[in-house]
């Protein structure tokens, strides 16, 4: 590999470098060997990035965990409140 490619080697994981090295040369070659400028260039490339590199800079959001909806009958089917004790009259 060239000196230019080795400048990219210090940034990201091996998989990320593998995904984005072609884009770095294609889109941001003028910034090589400055890895920080190459990264900034790739971040700003948006839709021009290849799909594998796009995932590196714009990972999909984590799945949203949803709580199950409260079913109407679940509220209706709850046990009724306890009855007042026998012989107790609230109409005093």
C-alpha atoms as a PDB file:
ATOM      1  CA  UNK A   1       0.000   0.000   0.000  1.00  0.00           C
ATOM      2  CA  UNK A   2       1.065   3.553  -0.471  1.00  0.00           C
ATOM      3  CA  UNK A   3       1.828   6.173   2.157  1.00  0.00           C
ATOM      4  CA  UNK A   4      -1.599   7.628   1.443  1.00  0.00           C
ATOM      5  CA  UNK A   5      -3.367   4.385   2.316  1.00  0.00           C
ATOM      6  CA  UNK A   6      -1.337   3.967   5.468  1.00  0.00           C
ATOM      7  CA  UNK A   7      -2.513   7.411   6.619  1.00  0.00           C
ATOM      8  CA  UNK A   8      -6.060   6.061   6.620  1.00  0.00           C
ATOM      9  CA  UNK A   9      -5.045   3.000   8.601  1.00  0.00           C
ATOM     10  CA  UNK A  10      -5.104   4.836  11.908  1.00  0.00           C
ATOM     11  CA  UNK A  11      -8.789   5.737  11.705  1.00  0.00           C
ATOM     12  CA  UNK A  12     -11.666   3.409  12.669  1.00  0.00           C
ATOM     13  CA  UNK A  13     -11.886  -0.342  12.872  1.00  0.00           C
ATOM     14  CA  UNK A  14     -10.522  -2.610  10.189  1.00  0.00           C
ATOM     15  CA  UNK A  15     -14.054  -3.159   8.840  1.00  0.00           C
ATOM     16  CA  UNK A  16     -14.722   0.578   8.747  1.00  0.00           C
ATOM     17  CA  UNK A  17     -11.451   1.256   6.942  1.00  0.00           C
ATOM     18  CA  UNK A  18     -12.195  -1.535   4.494  1.00  0.00           C
ATOM     19  CA  UNK A  19     -15.657  -0.084   3.824  1.00  0.00           C
ATOM     20  CA  UNK A  20     -14.471   3.505   3.372  1.00  0.00           C
ATOM     21  CA  UNK A  21     -10.967   3.377   1.888  1.00  0.00           C
ATOM     22  CA  UNK A  22     -12.243   3.269  -1.718  1.00  0.00           C
ATOM     23  CA  UNK A  23     -14.519   6.241  -0.990  1.00  0.00           C
ATOM     24  CA  UNK A  24     -11.659   8.103   0.670  1.00  0.00           C
ATOM     25  CA  UNK A  25      -9.579   7.798  -2.484  1.00  0.00           C
ATOM     26  CA  UNK A  26     -12.507   8.490  -4.810  1.00  0.00           C
ATOM     27  CA  UNK A  27     -14.101  11.414  -2.970  1.00  0.00           C
ATOM     28  CA  UNK A  28     -11.474  12.817  -0.625  1.00  0.00           C
ATOM     29  CA  UNK A  29      -8.111  12.043  -2.194  1.00  0.00           C
ATOM     30  CA  UNK A  30      -7.078  15.686  -2.077  1.00  0.00           C
ATOM     31  CA  UNK A  31      -7.055  15.502   1.756  1.00  0.00           C
ATOM     32  CA  UNK A  32      -4.844  12.402   2.023  1.00  0.00           C
ATOM     33  CA  UNK A  33      -2.623  11.954   4.126  1.00  0.00           C
ATOM     34  CA  UNK A  34      -4.502  14.145   6.673  1.00  0.00           C
ATOM     35  CA  UNK A  35      -6.786  11.503   8.218  1.00  0.00           C
ATOM     36  CA  UNK A  36      -8.872  14.070  10.122  1.00  0.00           C
ATOM     37  CA  UNK A  37      -9.615  15.998   6.923  1.00  0.00           C
ATOM     38  CA  UNK A  38     -10.391  12.758   5.068  1.00  0.00           C
ATOM     39  CA  UNK A  39     -12.843  11.793   7.812  1.00  0.00           C
ATOM     40  CA  UNK A  40     -14.502  15.222   7.688  1.00  0.00           C
ATOM     41  CA  UNK A  41     -14.738  14.973   3.915  1.00  0.00           C
ATOM     42  CA  UNK A  42     -16.341  11.527   4.124  1.00  0.00           C
ATOM     43  CA  UNK A  43     -18.810  12.731   6.776  1.00  0.00           C
ATOM     44  CA  UNK A  44     -19.857  15.538   4.448  1.00  0.00           C
ATOM     45  CA  UNK A  45     -20.085  13.328   1.349  1.00  0.00           C
ATOM     46  CA  UNK A  46     -23.603  12.141   2.276  1.00  0.00           C
ATOM     47  CA  UNK A  47     -25.302  10.272  -0.580  1.00  0.00           C
ATOM     48  CA  UNK A  48     -22.073  10.102  -2.589  1.00  0.00           C
ATOM     49  CA  UNK A  49     -20.730   7.477  -0.157  1.00  0.00           C
ATOM     50  CA  UNK A  50     -20.900   3.832  -1.122  1.00  0.00           C
ATOM     51  CA  UNK A  51     -23.531   1.867   0.850  1.00  0.00           C
ATOM     52  CA  UNK A  52     -20.937   0.100   3.073  1.00  0.00           C
ATOM     53  CA  UNK A  53     -19.227   3.387   3.960  1.00  0.00           C
ATOM     54  CA  UNK A  54     -22.561   5.171   4.449  1.00  0.00           C
ATOM     55  CA  UNK A  55     -23.365   2.669   7.213  1.00  0.00           C
ATOM     56  CA  UNK A  56     -20.072   3.581   8.932  1.00  0.00           C
ATOM     57  CA  UNK A  57     -20.965   7.279   9.069  1.00  0.00           C
ATOM     58  CA  UNK A  58     -24.748   6.935   9.355  1.00  0.00           C
ATOM     59  CA  UNK A  59     -25.451   3.718  11.263  1.00  0.00           C
ATOM     60  CA  UNK A  60     -29.065   2.638  11.423  1.00  0.00           C
ATOM     61  CA  UNK A  61     -30.806   3.637  14.639  1.00  0.00           C
ATOM     62  CA  UNK A  62     -31.171   0.939  17.262  1.00  0.00           C
ATOM     63  CA  UNK A  63     -34.506  -0.846  17.180  1.00  0.00           C
ATOM     64  CA  UNK A  64     -37.164   0.812  19.273  1.00  0.00           C
ATOM     65  CA  UNK A  65     -38.538  -1.475  21.904  1.00  0.00           C
ATOM     66  CA  UNK A  66     -42.249  -1.066  22.202  1.00  0.00           C
ATOM     67  CA  UNK A  67     -44.284  -1.780  25.257  1.00  0.00           C
ATOM     68  CA  UNK A  68     -47.422  -3.727  24.473  1.00  0.00           C
ATOM     69  CA  UNK A  69     -50.523  -1.548  24.410  1.00  0.00           C
ATOM     70  CA  UNK A  70     -52.836  -1.715  27.406  1.00  0.00           C
ATOM     71  CA  UNK A  71     -55.865  -3.679  26.403  1.00  0.00           C
ATOM     72  CA  UNK A  72     -59.210  -2.210  27.400  1.00  0.00           C
ATOM     73  CA  UNK A  73     -60.476  -5.507  28.769  1.00  0.00           C
ATOM     74  CA  UNK A  74     -57.366  -5.809  30.956  1.00  0.00           C
ATOM     75  CA  UNK A  75     -58.514  -2.760  32.874  1.00  0.00           C
ATOM     76  CA  UNK A  76     -62.120  -3.931  32.879  1.00  0.00           C
ATOM     77  CA  UNK A  77     -61.242  -7.472  34.004  1.00  0.00           C
ATOM     78  CA  UNK A  78     -59.301  -6.393  37.089  1.00  0.00           C
ATOM     79  CA  UNK A  79     -60.709  -7.471  40.422  1.00  0.00           C
ATOM     80  CA  UNK A  80     -63.195  -4.965  41.824  1.00  0.00           C
ATOM     81  CA  UNK A  81     -62.213  -2.983  44.913  1.00  0.00           C
ATOM     82  CA  UNK A  82     -62.963  -4.735  48.195  1.00  0.00           C
ATOM     83  CA  UNK A  83     -66.452  -4.257  49.662  1.00  0.00           C
ATOM     84  CA  UNK A  84     -66.828  -2.359  52.913  1.00  0.00           C
ATOM     85  CA  UNK A  85     -67.079  -4.569  55.990  1.00  0.00           C
ATOM     86  CA  UNK A  86     -70.542  -5.901  56.889  1.00  0.00           C
ATOM     87  CA  UNK A  87     -72.571  -3.717  59.143  1.00  0.00           C
ATOM     88  CA  UNK A  88     -70.793  -0.550  58.010  1.00  0.00           C
ATOM     89  CA  UNK A  89     -73.169   2.033  56.576  1.00  0.00           C
ATOM     90  CA  UNK A  90     -71.844   5.067  54.717  1.00  0.00           C
ATOM     91  CA  UNK A  91     -75.256   6.777  54.648  1.00  0.00           C
ATOM     92  CA  UNK A  92     -75.005   8.199  58.186  1.00  0.00           C
END
